[in-house]
Amino acid sequence: MEGVSLKALKGSSIKLAKVELGAGTVIDAHDHPVEVLLMVVSGKIDVGIAKTRKIMLGGELAIIHPNVSHDAVAIEDTVLIEAYAND
């Protein structure tokens, strides 16, 4: 996907991913069958989780519960860390 750089490490039960998003990158609504833990390392991103939207900055955390629709738009160049069970 244009504007996205992904590096992932997959263990026997957990996946950890570093996601770099260029400013203006849009992540369309989607969901996962497992819980996702999200940490914004740097940047600024507009995140929608279910029917709630939040502007997140470096150092902020979020939990995305299983099967909950979420989307995002990178307002600035943004680096995220995501952790989730292997699905």
N, C-alpha and C. Protein backbone atom coordinates (compact mmCIF):
# COMPACT_ATOMS: atom_id res chain seq x y z
N MET A 1 0.85 -1.17 0.00
CA MET A 1 0.00 0.00 0.00
C MET A 1 0.90 1.24 0.00
N GLU A 2 0.60 2.19 -0.86
CA GLU A 2 1.39 3.40 -0.96
C GLU A 2 1.30 4.21 0.33
N GLY A 3 2.45 4.71 0.78
CA GLY A 3 2.50 5.52 2.00
C GLY A 3 2.64 4.72 3.27
N VAL A 4 2.78 3.38 3.14
CA VAL A 4 2.87 2.50 4.32
C VAL A 4 4.14 1.66 4.26
N SER A 5 4.88 1.64 5.36
CA SER A 5 6.03 0.75 5.50
C SER A 5 5.76 -0.11 6.73
N LEU A 6 5.91 -1.42 6.58
CA LEU A 6 5.57 -2.35 7.65
C LEU A 6 6.73 -3.31 7.91
N LYS A 7 7.10 -3.44 9.18
CA LYS A 7 8.07 -4.43 9.62
C LYS A 7 7.39 -5.22 10.73
N ALA A 8 7.33 -6.55 10.59
CA ALA A 8 6.62 -7.36 11.57
C ALA A 8 7.47 -8.51 12.06
N LEU A 9 7.25 -8.87 13.30
CA LEU A 9 7.89 -10.02 13.93
C LEU A 9 6.78 -10.91 14.45
N LYS A 10 6.77 -12.16 14.03
CA LYS A 10 5.69 -13.07 14.41
C LYS A 10 6.25 -14.20 15.27
N GLY A 11 5.76 -14.28 16.51
CA GLY A 11 6.13 -15.36 17.39
C GLY A 11 5.10 -16.48 17.29
N SER A 12 5.15 -17.42 18.21
CA SER A 12 4.23 -18.55 18.16
C SER A 12 2.78 -18.13 18.45
N SER A 13 2.59 -17.05 19.21
CA SER A 13 1.22 -16.63 19.51
C SER A 13 0.97 -15.13 19.40
N ILE A 14 2.04 -14.34 19.26
CA ILE A 14 1.90 -12.88 19.22
C ILE A 14 2.64 -12.31 18.01
N LYS A 15 2.03 -11.28 17.41
CA LYS A 15 2.67 -10.55 16.33
C LYS A 15 2.88 -9.11 16.78
N LEU A 16 4.07 -8.57 16.49
CA LEU A 16 4.40 -7.19 16.80
C LEU A 16 4.77 -6.52 15.49
N ALA A 17 4.20 -5.37 15.22
CA ALA A 17 4.46 -4.69 13.95
C ALA A 17 4.79 -3.23 14.18
N LYS A 18 5.80 -2.75 13.43
CA LYS A 18 6.11 -1.33 13.37
C LYS A 18 5.55 -0.85 12.03
N VAL A 19 4.67 0.14 12.10
CA VAL A 19 4.00 0.65 10.90
C VAL A 19 4.36 2.12 10.75
N GLU A 20 4.90 2.47 9.59
CA GLU A 20 5.21 3.87 9.29
C GLU A 20 4.24 4.34 8.22
N LEU A 21 3.55 5.44 8.49
CA LEU A 21 2.55 6.00 7.57
C LEU A 21 2.98 7.40 7.16
N GLY A 22 2.99 7.65 5.86
CA GLY A 22 3.27 9.00 5.38
C GLY A 22 2.06 9.89 5.60
N ALA A 23 2.31 11.17 5.76
CA ALA A 23 1.21 12.13 5.95
C ALA A 23 0.20 11.99 4.83
N GLY A 24 -1.07 11.96 5.19
CA GLY A 24 -2.14 11.83 4.21
C GLY A 24 -2.54 10.41 3.89
N THR A 25 -1.80 9.43 4.40
CA THR A 25 -2.14 8.02 4.13
C THR A 25 -3.46 7.67 4.80
N VAL A 26 -4.33 7.00 4.05
CA VAL A 26 -5.64 6.58 4.55
C VAL A 26 -5.66 5.07 4.70
N ILE A 27 -6.02 4.60 5.87
CA ILE A 27 -6.24 3.18 6.12
C ILE A 27 -7.75 2.98 6.19
N ASP A 28 -8.30 2.30 5.19
CA ASP A 28 -9.75 2.09 5.13
C ASP A 28 -10.25 1.25 6.30
N ALA A 29 -11.53 1.37 6.59
CA ALA A 29 -12.15 0.62 7.68
C ALA A 29 -11.96 -0.88 7.47
N HIS A 30 -11.59 -1.55 8.54
CA HIS A 30 -11.40 -3.01 8.53
C HIS A 30 -11.49 -3.49 9.97
N ASP A 31 -11.45 -4.80 10.17
CA ASP A 31 -11.44 -5.36 11.52
C ASP A 31 -10.56 -6.59 11.56
N HIS A 32 -10.30 -7.07 12.76
CA HIS A 32 -9.49 -8.26 13.00
C HIS A 32 -10.25 -9.18 13.95
N PRO A 33 -10.05 -10.47 13.85
CA PRO A 33 -10.73 -11.39 14.76
C PRO A 33 -10.11 -11.43 16.16
N VAL A 34 -9.03 -10.65 16.36
CA VAL A 34 -8.33 -10.63 17.65
C VAL A 34 -8.18 -9.20 18.14
N GLU A 35 -7.92 -9.04 19.43
CA GLU A 35 -7.68 -7.74 20.03
C GLU A 35 -6.36 -7.16 19.51
N VAL A 36 -6.33 -5.85 19.28
CA VAL A 36 -5.12 -5.15 18.83
C VAL A 36 -4.76 -4.08 19.84
N LEU A 37 -3.50 -4.04 20.24
CA LEU A 37 -2.98 -2.98 21.10
C LEU A 37 -2.20 -2.04 20.20
N LEU A 38 -2.48 -0.75 20.29
CA LEU A 38 -1.90 0.24 19.39
C LEU A 38 -1.17 1.30 20.20
N MET A 39 0.08 1.61 19.80
CA MET A 39 0.83 2.69 20.43
C MET A 39 1.34 3.61 19.33
N VAL A 40 1.07 4.89 19.47
CA VAL A 40 1.62 5.88 18.55
C VAL A 40 2.99 6.27 19.09
N VAL A 41 4.02 5.99 18.31
CA VAL A 41 5.38 6.33 18.72
C VAL A 41 5.67 7.80 18.44
N SER A 42 5.30 8.23 17.24
CA SER A 42 5.50 9.63 16.86
C SER A 42 4.51 10.02 15.78
N GLY A 43 4.30 11.32 15.64
CA GLY A 43 3.40 11.81 14.61
C GLY A 43 2.03 12.15 15.16
N LYS A 44 1.08 12.24 14.23
CA LYS A 44 -0.29 12.63 14.58
C LYS A 44 -1.21 11.90 13.62
N ILE A 45 -2.21 11.19 14.17
CA ILE A 45 -3.09 10.35 13.36
C ILE A 45 -4.53 10.45 13.86
N ASP A 46 -5.45 10.48 12.93
CA ASP A 46 -6.88 10.49 13.23
C ASP A 46 -7.36 9.04 13.16
N VAL A 47 -7.75 8.48 14.30
CA VAL A 47 -8.13 7.07 14.38
C VAL A 47 -9.62 6.95 14.69
N GLY A 48 -10.30 6.12 13.92
CA GLY A 48 -11.70 5.81 14.20
C GLY A 48 -11.81 4.39 14.68
N ILE A 49 -12.40 4.20 15.85
CA ILE A 49 -12.63 2.87 16.41
C ILE A 49 -14.11 2.78 16.72
N ALA A 50 -14.79 1.85 16.05
CA ALA A 50 -16.24 1.75 16.13
C ALA A 50 -16.82 3.09 15.70
N LYS A 51 -17.57 3.77 16.57
CA LYS A 51 -18.18 5.04 16.19
C LYS A 51 -17.49 6.23 16.85
N THR A 52 -16.28 6.00 17.38
CA THR A 52 -15.53 7.04 18.07
C THR A 52 -14.30 7.44 17.26
N ARG A 53 -14.02 8.74 17.18
CA ARG A 53 -12.84 9.23 16.49
C ARG A 53 -11.96 9.95 17.52
N LYS A 54 -10.65 9.82 17.33
CA LYS A 54 -9.71 10.49 18.24
C LYS A 54 -8.46 10.85 17.46
N ILE A 55 -7.97 12.05 17.70
CA ILE A 55 -6.66 12.45 17.20
C ILE A 55 -5.64 11.94 18.21
N MET A 56 -4.73 11.08 17.75
CA MET A 56 -3.73 10.49 18.64
C MET A 56 -2.36 11.05 18.31
N LEU A 57 -1.57 11.27 19.36
CA LEU A 57 -0.22 11.80 19.25
C LEU A 57 0.78 10.81 19.82
N GLY A 58 2.06 11.06 19.58
CA GLY A 58 3.11 10.20 20.12
C GLY A 58 2.93 9.93 21.60
N GLY A 59 3.07 8.67 21.99
CA GLY A 59 2.95 8.26 23.38
C GLY A 59 1.56 7.78 23.77
N GLU A 60 0.57 8.00 22.91
CA GLU A 60 -0.79 7.57 23.25
C GLU A 60 -1.04 6.12 22.86
N LEU A 61 -1.95 5.49 23.60
CA LEU A 61 -2.26 4.07 23.44
C LEU A 61 -3.75 3.87 23.19
N ALA A 62 -4.09 2.78 22.51
CA ALA A 62 -5.48 2.42 22.30
C ALA A 62 -5.62 0.91 22.24
N ILE A 63 -6.79 0.43 22.62
CA ILE A 63 -7.15 -0.99 22.47
C ILE A 63 -8.27 -1.07 21.45
N ILE A 64 -8.10 -1.97 20.50
CA ILE A 64 -9.14 -2.23 19.51
C ILE A 64 -9.62 -3.65 19.76
N HIS A 65 -10.85 -3.78 20.19
CA HIS A 65 -11.39 -5.10 20.54
C HIS A 65 -11.65 -5.94 19.29
N PRO A 66 -11.71 -7.25 19.45
CA PRO A 66 -11.93 -8.14 18.30
C PRO A 66 -13.19 -7.77 17.51
N ASN A 67 -13.07 -7.87 16.21
CA ASN A 67 -14.19 -7.67 15.28
C ASN A 67 -14.80 -6.27 15.32
N VAL A 68 -14.03 -5.28 15.79
CA VAL A 68 -14.49 -3.90 15.83
C VAL A 68 -13.86 -3.15 14.65
N SER A 69 -14.70 -2.53 13.86
CA SER A 69 -14.22 -1.78 12.69
C SER A 69 -13.38 -0.59 13.14
N HIS A 70 -12.27 -0.38 12.43
CA HIS A 70 -11.41 0.77 12.71
C HIS A 70 -10.76 1.25 11.42
N ASP A 71 -10.40 2.53 11.41
CA ASP A 71 -9.77 3.15 10.26
C ASP A 71 -8.84 4.25 10.75
N ALA A 72 -8.06 4.82 9.86
CA ALA A 72 -7.14 5.88 10.27
C ALA A 72 -6.73 6.74 9.09
N VAL A 73 -6.36 7.98 9.41
CA VAL A 73 -5.77 8.90 8.45
C VAL A 73 -4.57 9.55 9.13
N ALA A 74 -3.39 9.39 8.54
CA ALA A 74 -2.18 10.01 9.10
C ALA A 74 -2.20 11.50 8.79
N ILE A 75 -2.26 12.32 9.81
CA ILE A 75 -2.26 13.77 9.65
C ILE A 75 -0.84 14.25 9.38
N GLU A 76 0.11 13.62 10.04
CA GLU A 76 1.54 13.86 9.84
C GLU A 76 2.19 12.51 9.58
N ASP A 77 3.46 12.50 9.18
CA ASP A 77 4.19 11.24 9.14
C ASP A 77 4.08 10.62 10.53
N THR A 78 3.70 9.35 10.58
CA THR A 78 3.38 8.71 11.86
C THR A 78 4.02 7.34 11.95
N VAL A 79 4.51 7.00 13.14
CA VAL A 79 5.05 5.67 13.42
C VAL A 79 4.18 5.04 14.51
N LEU A 80 3.71 3.82 14.25
CA LEU A 80 2.88 3.07 15.18
C LEU A 80 3.54 1.76 15.54
N ILE A 81 3.22 1.25 16.71
CA ILE A 81 3.53 -0.14 17.10
C ILE A 81 2.21 -0.81 17.36
N GLU A 82 2.00 -1.97 16.73
CA GLU A 82 0.78 -2.75 16.95
C GLU A 82 1.17 -4.12 17.48
N ALA A 83 0.43 -4.62 18.45
CA ALA A 83 0.64 -5.96 18.98
C ALA A 83 -0.70 -6.68 18.97
N TYR A 84 -0.69 -7.92 18.49
CA TYR A 84 -1.92 -8.69 18.47
C TYR A 84 -1.61 -10.17 18.39
N ALA A 85 -2.59 -10.97 18.82
CA ALA A 85 -2.44 -12.41 18.74
C ALA A 85 -2.44 -12.79 17.27
N ASN A 86 -1.70 -13.82 16.93
CA ASN A 86 -1.72 -14.31 15.55
C ASN A 86 -3.13 -14.72 15.20
N ASP A 87 -3.60 -14.26 14.04
CA ASP A 87 -4.96 -14.62 13.60
C ASP A 87 -4.91 -15.55 12.42
